[in-house]
mmCIF file of all heavy atoms, coordinates in Angstrom:
data_MODEL
# 
_entry.id   MODEL 
# 
loop_
_atom_site.group_PDB 
_atom_site.id 
_atom_site.type_symbol 
_atom_site.label_atom_id 
_atom_site.label_alt_id 
_atom_site.label_comp_id 
_atom_site.label_asym_id 
_atom_site.label_entity_id 
_atom_site.label_seq_id 
_atom_site.pdbx_PDB_ins_code 
_atom_site.Cartn_x 
_atom_site.Cartn_y 
_atom_site.Cartn_z 
_atom_site.occupancy 
_atom_site.B_iso_or_equiv 
_atom_site.pdbx_formal_charge 
_atom_site.auth_seq_id 
_atom_site.auth_comp_id 
_atom_site.auth_asym_id 
_atom_site.auth_atom_id 
_atom_site.pdbx_PDB_model_num 
ATOM 1   N N   . ASP A 1 1  ? 230.641 77.650  124.919 1.00 0.00 ? 1  ASP A N   1 
ATOM 2   C CA  . ASP A 1 1  ? 230.557 78.581  126.003 1.00 0.00 ? 1  ASP A CA  1 
ATOM 3   C C   . ASP A 1 1  ? 231.985 78.768  126.472 1.00 0.00 ? 1  ASP A C   1 
ATOM 4   O O   . ASP A 1 1  ? 232.621 77.890  127.009 1.00 0.00 ? 1  ASP A O   1 
ATOM 5   C CB  . ASP A 1 1  ? 229.707 77.960  127.171 1.00 0.00 ? 1  ASP A CB  1 
ATOM 6   C CG  . ASP A 1 1  ? 229.290 79.001  128.184 1.00 0.00 ? 1  ASP A CG  1 
ATOM 7   O OD1 . ASP A 1 1  ? 229.604 80.143  127.986 1.00 0.00 ? 1  ASP A OD1 1 
ATOM 8   O OD2 . ASP A 1 1  ? 228.704 78.615  129.130 1.00 0.00 ? 1  ASP A OD2 1 
ATOM 9   N N   . ALA A 1 2  ? 232.533 79.907  126.328 1.00 0.00 ? 2  ALA A N   1 
ATOM 10  C CA  . ALA A 1 2  ? 233.923 80.269  126.639 1.00 0.00 ? 2  ALA A CA  1 
ATOM 11  C C   . ALA A 1 2  ? 234.022 81.563  127.413 1.00 0.00 ? 2  ALA A C   1 
ATOM 12  O O   . ALA A 1 2  ? 233.215 82.335  127.230 1.00 0.00 ? 2  ALA A O   1 
ATOM 13  C CB  . ALA A 1 2  ? 234.784 80.212  125.430 1.00 0.00 ? 2  ALA A CB  1 
ATOM 14  N N   . LYS A 1 3  ? 235.109 81.695  128.111 1.00 0.00 ? 3  LYS A N   1 
ATOM 15  C CA  . LYS A 1 3  ? 235.290 83.060  128.771 1.00 0.00 ? 3  LYS A CA  1 
ATOM 16  C C   . LYS A 1 3  ? 235.801 84.013  127.816 1.00 0.00 ? 3  LYS A C   1 
ATOM 17  O O   . LYS A 1 3  ? 235.582 85.314  127.993 1.00 0.00 ? 3  LYS A O   1 
ATOM 18  C CB  . LYS A 1 3  ? 236.354 82.854  130.009 1.00 0.00 ? 3  LYS A CB  1 
ATOM 19  C CG  . LYS A 1 3  ? 235.785 82.057  131.115 1.00 0.00 ? 3  LYS A CG  1 
ATOM 20  C CD  . LYS A 1 3  ? 236.709 82.099  132.233 1.00 0.00 ? 3  LYS A CD  1 
ATOM 21  C CE  . LYS A 1 3  ? 236.107 81.180  133.343 1.00 0.00 ? 3  LYS A CE  1 
ATOM 22  N NZ  . LYS A 1 3  ? 236.089 81.777  134.633 1.00 0.00 ? 3  LYS A NZ  1 
ATOM 23  N N   . SER A 1 4  ? 236.485 83.589  126.739 1.00 0.00 ? 4  SER A N   1 
ATOM 24  C CA  . SER A 1 4  ? 236.937 84.454  125.730 1.00 0.00 ? 4  SER A CA  1 
ATOM 25  C C   . SER A 1 4  ? 236.894 83.745  124.315 1.00 0.00 ? 4  SER A C   1 
ATOM 26  O O   . SER A 1 4  ? 236.925 82.562  124.296 1.00 0.00 ? 4  SER A O   1 
ATOM 27  C CB  . SER A 1 4  ? 238.359 84.983  126.066 1.00 0.00 ? 4  SER A CB  1 
ATOM 28  O OG  . SER A 1 4  ? 239.288 83.951  125.904 1.00 0.00 ? 4  SER A OG  1 
ATOM 29  N N   . TYR A 1 5  ? 236.710 84.545  123.355 1.00 0.00 ? 5  TYR A N   1 
ATOM 30  C CA  . TYR A 1 5  ? 236.704 84.080  121.929 1.00 0.00 ? 5  TYR A CA  1 
ATOM 31  C C   . TYR A 1 5  ? 237.803 84.821  121.140 1.00 0.00 ? 5  TYR A C   1 
ATOM 32  O O   . TYR A 1 5  ? 238.033 86.023  121.213 1.00 0.00 ? 5  TYR A O   1 
ATOM 33  C CB  . TYR A 1 5  ? 235.316 84.335  121.356 1.00 0.00 ? 5  TYR A CB  1 
ATOM 34  C CG  . TYR A 1 5  ? 234.195 83.741  122.099 1.00 0.00 ? 5  TYR A CG  1 
ATOM 35  C CD1 . TYR A 1 5  ? 233.496 84.422  123.051 1.00 0.00 ? 5  TYR A CD1 1 
ATOM 36  C CD2 . TYR A 1 5  ? 233.789 82.487  121.800 1.00 0.00 ? 5  TYR A CD2 1 
ATOM 37  C CE1 . TYR A 1 5  ? 232.438 83.839  123.761 1.00 0.00 ? 5  TYR A CE1 1 
ATOM 38  C CE2 . TYR A 1 5  ? 232.726 81.877  122.506 1.00 0.00 ? 5  TYR A CE2 1 
ATOM 39  C CZ  . TYR A 1 5  ? 232.088 82.558  123.463 1.00 0.00 ? 5  TYR A CZ  1 
ATOM 40  O OH  . TYR A 1 5  ? 231.082 81.912  124.113 1.00 0.00 ? 5  TYR A OH  1 
ATOM 41  N N   . LYS A 1 6  ? 238.416 84.072  120.187 1.00 0.00 ? 6  LYS A N   1 
ATOM 42  C CA  . LYS A 1 6  ? 239.498 84.602  119.430 1.00 0.00 ? 6  LYS A CA  1 
ATOM 43  C C   . LYS A 1 6  ? 239.050 84.289  117.978 1.00 0.00 ? 6  LYS A C   1 
ATOM 44  O O   . LYS A 1 6  ? 238.930 83.060  117.581 1.00 0.00 ? 6  LYS A O   1 
ATOM 45  C CB  . LYS A 1 6  ? 240.858 83.981  119.724 1.00 0.00 ? 6  LYS A CB  1 
ATOM 46  C CG  . LYS A 1 6  ? 242.007 84.494  118.875 1.00 0.00 ? 6  LYS A CG  1 
ATOM 47  C CD  . LYS A 1 6  ? 243.271 83.862  119.348 1.00 0.00 ? 6  LYS A CD  1 
ATOM 48  C CE  . LYS A 1 6  ? 244.449 84.338  118.408 1.00 0.00 ? 6  LYS A CE  1 
ATOM 49  N NZ  . LYS A 1 6  ? 244.965 85.637  118.846 1.00 0.00 ? 6  LYS A NZ  1 
ATOM 50  N N   . PHE A 1 7  ? 238.989 85.303  117.054 1.00 0.00 ? 7  PHE A N   1 
ATOM 51  C CA  . PHE A 1 7  ? 238.733 85.010  115.730 1.00 0.00 ? 7  PHE A CA  1 
ATOM 52  C C   . PHE A 1 7  ? 239.092 86.235  114.911 1.00 0.00 ? 7  PHE A C   1 
ATOM 53  O O   . PHE A 1 7  ? 239.382 87.353  115.404 1.00 0.00 ? 7  PHE A O   1 
ATOM 54  C CB  . PHE A 1 7  ? 237.252 84.730  115.487 1.00 0.00 ? 7  PHE A CB  1 
ATOM 55  C CG  . PHE A 1 7  ? 236.249 85.771  115.996 1.00 0.00 ? 7  PHE A CG  1 
ATOM 56  C CD1 . PHE A 1 7  ? 235.907 86.823  115.252 1.00 0.00 ? 7  PHE A CD1 1 
ATOM 57  C CD2 . PHE A 1 7  ? 235.723 85.604  117.265 1.00 0.00 ? 7  PHE A CD2 1 
ATOM 58  C CE1 . PHE A 1 7  ? 235.044 87.747  115.750 1.00 0.00 ? 7  PHE A CE1 1 
ATOM 59  C CE2 . PHE A 1 7  ? 234.871 86.533  117.778 1.00 0.00 ? 7  PHE A CE2 1 
ATOM 60  C CZ  . PHE A 1 7  ? 234.534 87.685  116.997 1.00 0.00 ? 7  PHE A CZ  1 
ATOM 61  N N   . ASP A 1 8  ? 239.157 86.026  113.492 1.00 0.00 ? 8  ASP A N   1 
ATOM 62  C CA  . ASP A 1 8  ? 239.385 87.161  112.571 1.00 0.00 ? 8  ASP A CA  1 
ATOM 63  C C   . ASP A 1 8  ? 238.048 87.544  111.944 1.00 0.00 ? 8  ASP A C   1 
ATOM 64  O O   . ASP A 1 8  ? 237.111 86.840  111.933 1.00 0.00 ? 8  ASP A O   1 
ATOM 65  C CB  . ASP A 1 8  ? 240.309 86.603  111.386 1.00 0.00 ? 8  ASP A CB  1 
ATOM 66  C CG  . ASP A 1 8  ? 241.791 86.310  111.929 1.00 0.00 ? 8  ASP A CG  1 
ATOM 67  O OD1 . ASP A 1 8  ? 242.205 86.922  112.905 1.00 0.00 ? 8  ASP A OD1 1 
ATOM 68  O OD2 . ASP A 1 8  ? 242.324 85.443  111.220 1.00 0.00 ? 8  ASP A OD2 1 
ATOM 69  N N   . TYR A 1 9  ? 238.084 88.744  111.417 1.00 0.00 ? 9  TYR A N   1 
ATOM 70  C CA  . TYR A 1 9  ? 236.910 89.298  110.693 1.00 0.00 ? 9  TYR A CA  1 
ATOM 71  C C   . TYR A 1 9  ? 237.343 90.160  109.549 1.00 0.00 ? 9  TYR A C   1 
ATOM 72  O O   . TYR A 1 9  ? 238.365 90.900  109.634 1.00 0.00 ? 9  TYR A O   1 
ATOM 73  C CB  . TYR A 1 9  ? 235.984 90.004  111.681 1.00 0.00 ? 9  TYR A CB  1 
ATOM 74  C CG  . TYR A 1 9  ? 236.544 91.364  112.289 1.00 0.00 ? 9  TYR A CG  1 
ATOM 75  C CD1 . TYR A 1 9  ? 236.244 92.572  111.740 1.00 0.00 ? 9  TYR A CD1 1 
ATOM 76  C CD2 . TYR A 1 9  ? 237.447 91.232  113.280 1.00 0.00 ? 9  TYR A CD2 1 
ATOM 77  C CE1 . TYR A 1 9  ? 236.712 93.769  112.209 1.00 0.00 ? 9  TYR A CE1 1 
ATOM 78  C CE2 . TYR A 1 9  ? 238.003 92.489  113.836 1.00 0.00 ? 9  TYR A CE2 1 
ATOM 79  C CZ  . TYR A 1 9  ? 237.676 93.754  113.252 1.00 0.00 ? 9  TYR A CZ  1 
ATOM 80  O OH  . TYR A 1 9  ? 238.194 94.875  113.804 1.00 0.00 ? 9  TYR A OH  1 
ATOM 81  N N   . PRO A 1 10 ? 236.678 90.030  108.341 1.00 0.00 ? 10 PRO A N   1 
ATOM 82  C CA  . PRO A 1 10 ? 237.079 90.748  107.185 1.00 0.00 ? 10 PRO A CA  1 
ATOM 83  C C   . PRO A 1 10 ? 236.428 92.093  106.873 1.00 0.00 ? 10 PRO A C   1 
ATOM 84  O O   . PRO A 1 10 ? 236.993 92.883  106.069 1.00 0.00 ? 10 PRO A O   1 
ATOM 85  C CB  . PRO A 1 10 ? 236.704 89.835  106.026 1.00 0.00 ? 10 PRO A CB  1 
ATOM 86  C CG  . PRO A 1 10 ? 235.538 89.104  106.533 1.00 0.00 ? 10 PRO A CG  1 
ATOM 87  C CD  . PRO A 1 10 ? 235.747 88.950  108.113 1.00 0.00 ? 10 PRO A CD  1 
ATOM 88  N N   . PHE A 1 11 ? 235.321 92.429  107.566 1.00 0.00 ? 11 PHE A N   1 
ATOM 89  C CA  . PHE A 1 11 ? 234.640 93.679  107.323 1.00 0.00 ? 11 PHE A CA  1 
ATOM 90  C C   . PHE A 1 11 ? 234.684 94.576  108.469 1.00 0.00 ? 11 PHE A C   1 
ATOM 91  O O   . PHE A 1 11 ? 234.105 94.239  109.629 1.00 0.00 ? 11 PHE A O   1 
ATOM 92  C CB  . PHE A 1 11 ? 233.269 93.427  106.909 1.00 0.00 ? 11 PHE A CB  1 
ATOM 93  C CG  . PHE A 1 11 ? 233.080 92.643  105.703 1.00 0.00 ? 11 PHE A CG  1 
ATOM 94  C CD1 . PHE A 1 11 ? 232.787 91.290  105.637 1.00 0.00 ? 11 PHE A CD1 1 
ATOM 95  C CD2 . PHE A 1 11 ? 233.259 93.316  104.437 1.00 0.00 ? 11 PHE A CD2 1 
ATOM 96  C CE1 . PHE A 1 11 ? 232.664 90.556  104.482 1.00 0.00 ? 11 PHE A CE1 1 
ATOM 97  C CE2 . PHE A 1 11 ? 233.136 92.556  103.236 1.00 0.00 ? 11 PHE A CE2 1 
ATOM 98  C CZ  . PHE A 1 11 ? 232.905 91.182  103.241 1.00 0.00 ? 11 PHE A CZ  1 
ATOM 99  N N   . LYS A 1 12 ? 235.263 95.763  108.392 1.00 0.00 ? 12 LYS A N   1 
ATOM 100 C CA  . LYS A 1 12 ? 235.348 96.655  109.518 1.00 0.00 ? 12 LYS A CA  1 
ATOM 101 C C   . LYS A 1 12 ? 234.120 97.499  109.529 1.00 0.00 ? 12 LYS A C   1 
ATOM 102 O O   . LYS A 1 12 ? 233.829 98.256  108.588 1.00 0.00 ? 12 LYS A O   1 
ATOM 103 C CB  . LYS A 1 12 ? 236.606 97.553  109.426 1.00 0.00 ? 12 LYS A CB  1 
ATOM 104 C CG  . LYS A 1 12 ? 236.824 98.423  110.620 1.00 0.00 ? 12 LYS A CG  1 
ATOM 105 C CD  . LYS A 1 12 ? 238.055 99.298  110.505 1.00 0.00 ? 12 LYS A CD  1 
ATOM 106 C CE  . LYS A 1 12 ? 239.330 98.491  110.751 1.00 0.00 ? 12 LYS A CE  1 
ATOM 107 N NZ  . LYS A 1 12 ? 240.533 99.339  110.922 1.00 0.00 ? 12 LYS A NZ  1 
ATOM 108 N N   . THR A 1 13 ? 233.365 97.400  110.635 1.00 0.00 ? 13 THR A N   1 
ATOM 109 C CA  . THR A 1 13 ? 232.155 98.184  110.787 1.00 0.00 ? 13 THR A CA  1 
ATOM 110 C C   . THR A 1 13 ? 232.167 98.836  112.135 1.00 0.00 ? 13 THR A C   1 
ATOM 111 O O   . THR A 1 13 ? 233.045 98.627  112.935 1.00 0.00 ? 13 THR A O   1 
ATOM 112 C CB  . THR A 1 13 ? 230.894 97.289  110.732 1.00 0.00 ? 13 THR A CB  1 
ATOM 113 O OG1 . THR A 1 13 ? 230.892 96.335  111.832 1.00 0.00 ? 13 THR A OG1 1 
ATOM 114 C CG2 . THR A 1 13 ? 230.711 96.518  109.376 1.00 0.00 ? 13 THR A CG2 1 
ATOM 115 N N   . PHE A 1 14 ? 231.230 99.785  112.398 1.00 0.00 ? 14 PHE A N   1 
ATOM 116 C CA  . PHE A 1 14 ? 231.171 100.389 113.680 1.00 0.00 ? 14 PHE A CA  1 
ATOM 117 C C   . PHE A 1 14 ? 230.992 99.352  114.760 1.00 0.00 ? 14 PHE A C   1 
ATOM 118 O O   . PHE A 1 14 ? 231.591 99.335  115.829 1.00 0.00 ? 14 PHE A O   1 
ATOM 119 C CB  . PHE A 1 14 ? 230.017 101.403 113.709 1.00 0.00 ? 14 PHE A CB  1 
ATOM 120 C CG  . PHE A 1 14 ? 229.755 101.986 115.060 1.00 0.00 ? 14 PHE A CG  1 
ATOM 121 C CD1 . PHE A 1 14 ? 230.654 102.981 115.542 1.00 0.00 ? 14 PHE A CD1 1 
ATOM 122 C CD2 . PHE A 1 14 ? 228.721 101.591 115.854 1.00 0.00 ? 14 PHE A CD2 1 
ATOM 123 C CE1 . PHE A 1 14 ? 230.432 103.491 116.823 1.00 0.00 ? 14 PHE A CE1 1 
ATOM 124 C CE2 . PHE A 1 14 ? 228.514 102.073 117.110 1.00 0.00 ? 14 PHE A CE2 1 
ATOM 125 C CZ  . PHE A 1 14 ? 229.368 103.096 117.607 1.00 0.00 ? 14 PHE A CZ  1 
ATOM 126 N N   . ALA A 1 15 ? 230.060 98.409  114.497 1.00 0.00 ? 15 ALA A N   1 
ATOM 127 C CA  . ALA A 1 15 ? 229.810 97.335  115.468 1.00 0.00 ? 15 ALA A CA  1 
ATOM 128 C C   . ALA A 1 15 ? 231.079 96.441  115.747 1.00 0.00 ? 15 ALA A C   1 
ATOM 129 O O   . ALA A 1 15 ? 231.320 96.122  116.899 1.00 0.00 ? 15 ALA A O   1 
ATOM 130 C CB  . ALA A 1 15 ? 228.670 96.430  115.019 1.00 0.00 ? 15 ALA A CB  1 
ATOM 131 N N   . SER A 1 16 ? 231.728 96.065  114.749 1.00 0.00 ? 16 SER A N   1 
ATOM 132 C CA  . SER A 1 16 ? 232.965 95.273  114.958 1.00 0.00 ? 16 SER A CA  1 
ATOM 133 C C   . SER A 1 16 ? 234.038 95.935  115.758 1.00 0.00 ? 16 SER A C   1 
ATOM 134 O O   . SER A 1 16 ? 234.699 95.346  116.501 1.00 0.00 ? 16 SER A O   1 
ATOM 135 C CB  . SER A 1 16 ? 233.518 94.713  113.577 1.00 0.00 ? 16 SER A CB  1 
ATOM 136 O OG  . SER A 1 16 ? 233.973 95.792  112.774 1.00 0.00 ? 16 SER A OG  1 
ATOM 137 N N   . GLU A 1 17 ? 234.139 97.301  115.445 1.00 0.00 ? 17 GLU A N   1 
ATOM 138 C CA  . GLU A 1 17 ? 235.092 98.029  116.266 1.00 0.00 ? 17 GLU A CA  1 
ATOM 139 C C   . GLU A 1 17 ? 234.629 98.166  117.688 1.00 0.00 ? 17 GLU A C   1 
ATOM 140 O O   . GLU A 1 17 ? 235.516 98.128  118.640 1.00 0.00 ? 17 GLU A O   1 
ATOM 141 C CB  . GLU A 1 17 ? 235.283 99.470  115.626 1.00 0.00 ? 17 GLU A CB  1 
ATOM 142 C CG  . GLU A 1 17 ? 235.989 99.341  114.260 1.00 0.00 ? 17 GLU A CG  1 
ATOM 143 C CD  . GLU A 1 17 ? 237.309 98.630  114.324 1.00 0.00 ? 17 GLU A CD  1 
ATOM 144 O OE1 . GLU A 1 17 ? 238.295 99.152  114.964 1.00 0.00 ? 17 GLU A OE1 1 
ATOM 145 O OE2 . GLU A 1 17 ? 237.430 97.573  113.755 1.00 0.00 ? 17 GLU A OE2 1 
ATOM 146 N N   . LYS A 1 18 ? 233.388 98.268  117.988 1.00 0.00 ? 18 LYS A N   1 
ATOM 147 C CA  . LYS A 1 18 ? 232.890 98.304  119.379 1.00 0.00 ? 18 LYS A CA  1 
ATOM 148 C C   . LYS A 1 18 ? 233.181 96.872  119.989 1.00 0.00 ? 18 LYS A C   1 
ATOM 149 O O   . LYS A 1 18 ? 233.462 96.805  121.200 1.00 0.00 ? 18 LYS A O   1 
ATOM 150 C CB  . LYS A 1 18 ? 231.325 98.704  119.433 1.00 0.00 ? 18 LYS A CB  1 
ATOM 151 C CG  . LYS A 1 18 ? 231.089 100.091 118.977 1.00 0.00 ? 18 LYS A CG  1 
ATOM 152 C CD  . LYS A 1 18 ? 231.713 101.132 119.924 1.00 0.00 ? 18 LYS A CD  1 
ATOM 153 C CE  . LYS A 1 18 ? 230.920 101.207 121.226 1.00 0.00 ? 18 LYS A CE  1 
ATOM 154 N NZ  . LYS A 1 18 ? 231.485 102.220 122.100 1.00 0.00 ? 18 LYS A NZ  1 
ATOM 155 N N   . MET A 1 19 ? 232.949 95.806  119.235 1.00 0.00 ? 19 MET A N   1 
ATOM 156 C CA  . MET A 1 19 ? 233.160 94.536  119.747 1.00 0.00 ? 19 MET A CA  1 
ATOM 157 C C   . MET A 1 19 ? 234.631 94.344  120.200 1.00 0.00 ? 19 MET A C   1 
ATOM 158 O O   . MET A 1 19 ? 234.828 93.597  121.143 1.00 0.00 ? 19 MET A O   1 
ATOM 159 C CB  . MET A 1 19 ? 232.723 93.450  118.709 1.00 0.00 ? 19 MET A CB  1 
ATOM 160 C CG  . MET A 1 19 ? 231.265 93.380  118.509 1.00 0.00 ? 19 MET A CG  1 
ATOM 161 S SD  . MET A 1 19 ? 230.824 92.166  117.197 1.00 0.00 ? 19 MET A SD  1 
ATOM 162 C CE  . MET A 1 19 ? 231.367 90.612  118.038 1.00 0.00 ? 19 MET A CE  1 
ATOM 163 N N   . LYS A 1 20 ? 235.546 94.922  119.493 1.00 0.00 ? 20 LYS A N   1 
ATOM 164 C CA  . LYS A 1 20 ? 236.940 94.755  119.867 1.00 0.00 ? 20 LYS A CA  1 
ATOM 165 C C   . LYS A 1 20 ? 237.215 95.206  121.315 1.00 0.00 ? 20 LYS A C   1 
ATOM 166 O O   . LYS A 1 20 ? 238.121 94.793  121.926 1.00 0.00 ? 20 LYS A O   1 
ATOM 167 C CB  . LYS A 1 20 ? 237.883 95.622  118.901 1.00 0.00 ? 20 LYS A CB  1 
ATOM 168 C CG  . LYS A 1 20 ? 238.138 94.892  117.654 1.00 0.00 ? 20 LYS A CG  1 
ATOM 169 C CD  . LYS A 1 20 ? 239.045 95.822  116.807 1.00 0.00 ? 20 LYS A CD  1 
ATOM 170 C CE  . LYS A 1 20 ? 240.453 95.445  117.128 1.00 0.00 ? 20 LYS A CE  1 
ATOM 171 N NZ  . LYS A 1 20 ? 241.484 95.837  116.125 1.00 0.00 ? 20 LYS A NZ  1 
ATOM 172 N N   . GLU A 1 21 ? 236.306 96.115  121.754 1.00 0.00 ? 21 GLU A N   1 
ATOM 173 C CA  . GLU A 1 21 ? 236.519 96.626  123.159 1.00 0.00 ? 21 GLU A CA  1 
ATOM 174 C C   . GLU A 1 21 ? 236.129 95.651  124.217 1.00 0.00 ? 21 GLU A C   1 
ATOM 175 O O   . GLU A 1 21 ? 236.379 95.866  125.412 1.00 0.00 ? 21 GLU A O   1 
ATOM 176 C CB  . GLU A 1 21 ? 235.845 98.027  123.276 1.00 0.00 ? 21 GLU A CB  1 
ATOM 177 C CG  . GLU A 1 21 ? 236.348 99.097  122.321 1.00 0.00 ? 21 GLU A CG  1 
ATOM 178 C CD  . GLU A 1 21 ? 235.443 100.240 122.267 1.00 0.00 ? 21 GLU A CD  1 
ATOM 179 O OE1 . GLU A 1 21 ? 234.523 100.385 123.098 1.00 0.00 ? 21 GLU A OE1 1 
ATOM 180 O OE2 . GLU A 1 21 ? 235.729 101.110 121.405 1.00 0.00 ? 21 GLU A OE2 1 
ATOM 181 N N   . LYS A 1 22 ? 235.353 94.644  123.815 1.00 0.00 ? 22 LYS A N   1 
ATOM 182 C CA  . LYS A 1 22 ? 234.732 93.667  124.866 1.00 0.00 ? 22 LYS A CA  1 
ATOM 183 C C   . LYS A 1 22 ? 235.905 92.854  125.376 1.00 0.00 ? 22 LYS A C   1 
ATOM 184 O O   . LYS A 1 22 ? 236.719 92.289  124.598 1.00 0.00 ? 22 LYS A O   1 
ATOM 185 C CB  . LYS A 1 22 ? 233.719 92.806  124.205 1.00 0.00 ? 22 LYS A CB  1 
ATOM 186 C CG  . LYS A 1 22 ? 232.599 93.541  123.499 1.00 0.00 ? 22 LYS A CG  1 
ATOM 187 C CD  . LYS A 1 22 ? 231.743 94.192  124.609 1.00 0.00 ? 22 LYS A CD  1 
ATOM 188 C CE  . LYS A 1 22 ? 230.545 94.823  123.783 1.00 0.00 ? 22 LYS A CE  1 
ATOM 189 N NZ  . LYS A 1 22 ? 229.633 95.623  124.671 1.00 0.00 ? 22 LYS A NZ  1 
ATOM 190 N N   . SER A 1 23 ? 235.962 92.671  126.676 1.00 0.00 ? 23 SER A N   1 
ATOM 191 C CA  . SER A 1 23 ? 237.002 91.886  127.288 1.00 0.00 ? 23 SER A CA  1 
ATOM 192 C C   . SER A 1 23 ? 237.033 90.425  126.965 1.00 0.00 ? 23 SER A C   1 
ATOM 193 O O   . SER A 1 23 ? 238.040 89.726  127.004 1.00 0.00 ? 23 SER A O   1 
ATOM 194 C CB  . SER A 1 23 ? 236.893 92.011  128.881 1.00 0.00 ? 23 SER A CB  1 
ATOM 195 O OG  . SER A 1 23 ? 235.691 91.572  129.310 1.00 0.00 ? 23 SER A OG  1 
ATOM 196 N N   . TYR A 1 24 ? 235.877 89.903  126.509 1.00 0.00 ? 24 TYR A N   1 
ATOM 197 C CA  . TYR A 1 24 ? 235.738 88.423  126.163 1.00 0.00 ? 24 TYR A CA  1 
ATOM 198 C C   . TYR A 1 24 ? 236.025 88.178  124.725 1.00 0.00 ? 24 TYR A C   1 
ATOM 199 O O   . TYR A 1 24 ? 235.936 87.041  124.313 1.00 0.00 ? 24 TYR A O   1 
ATOM 200 C CB  . TYR A 1 24 ? 234.361 87.921  126.624 1.00 0.00 ? 24 TYR A CB  1 
ATOM 201 C CG  . TYR A 1 24 ? 233.223 88.550  125.902 1.00 0.00 ? 24 TYR A CG  1 
ATOM 202 C CD1 . TYR A 1 24 ? 232.773 88.170  124.667 1.00 0.00 ? 24 TYR A CD1 1 
ATOM 203 C CD2 . TYR A 1 24 ? 232.601 89.698  126.523 1.00 0.00 ? 24 TYR A CD2 1 
ATOM 204 C CE1 . TYR A 1 24 ? 231.746 88.793  124.060 1.00 0.00 ? 24 TYR A CE1 1 
ATOM 205 C CE2 . TYR A 1 24 ? 231.543 90.285  125.886 1.00 0.00 ? 24 TYR A CE2 1 
ATOM 206 C CZ  . TYR A 1 24 ? 231.092 89.873  124.678 1.00 0.00 ? 24 TYR A CZ  1 
ATOM 207 O OH  . TYR A 1 24 ? 230.083 90.482  124.084 1.00 0.00 ? 24 TYR A OH  1 
ATOM 208 N N   . LEU A 1 25 ? 236.494 89.239  123.994 1.00 0.00 ? 25 LEU A N   1 
ATOM 209 C CA  . LEU A 1 25 ? 236.724 89.053  122.552 1.00 0.00 ? 25 LEU A CA  1 
ATOM 210 C C   . LEU A 1 25 ? 238.187 89.454  122.204 1.00 0.00 ? 25 LEU A C   1 
ATOM 211 O O   . LEU A 1 25 ? 238.744 90.422  122.637 1.00 0.00 ? 25 LEU A O   1 
ATOM 212 C CB  . LEU A 1 25 ? 235.824 89.976  121.696 1.00 0.00 ? 25 LEU A CB  1 
ATOM 213 C CG  . LEU A 1 25 ? 234.377 89.507  121.708 1.00 0.00 ? 25 LEU A CG  1 
ATOM 214 C CD1 . LEU A 1 25 ? 233.597 90.593  120.920 1.00 0.00 ? 25 LEU A CD1 1 
ATOM 215 C CD2 . LEU A 1 25 ? 234.152 88.203  121.134 1.00 0.00 ? 25 LEU A CD2 1 
ATOM 216 N N   . ASP A 1 26 ? 238.892 88.550  121.463 1.00 0.00 ? 26 ASP A N   1 
ATOM 217 C CA  . ASP A 1 26 ? 240.175 88.805  120.970 1.00 0.00 ? 26 ASP A CA  1 
ATOM 218 C C   . ASP A 1 26 ? 240.066 88.699  119.472 1.00 0.00 ? 26 ASP A C   1 
ATOM 219 O O   . ASP A 1 26 ? 240.213 87.548  118.912 1.00 0.00 ? 26 ASP A O   1 
ATOM 220 C CB  . ASP A 1 26 ? 241.242 87.815  121.521 1.00 0.00 ? 26 ASP A CB  1 
ATOM 221 C CG  . ASP A 1 26 ? 242.691 88.041  121.006 1.00 0.00 ? 26 ASP A CG  1 
ATOM 222 O OD1 . ASP A 1 26 ? 242.887 89.082  120.312 1.00 0.00 ? 26 ASP A OD1 1 
ATOM 223 O OD2 . ASP A 1 26 ? 243.547 87.182  121.205 1.00 0.00 ? 26 ASP A OD2 1 
# 
């Protein structure tokens, strides 16, 4: 349980690009 998460991802999808916009994801 964290205020933000930082990770890499290898597959660019519509969903992953939308996830980039979330304030709790880096």
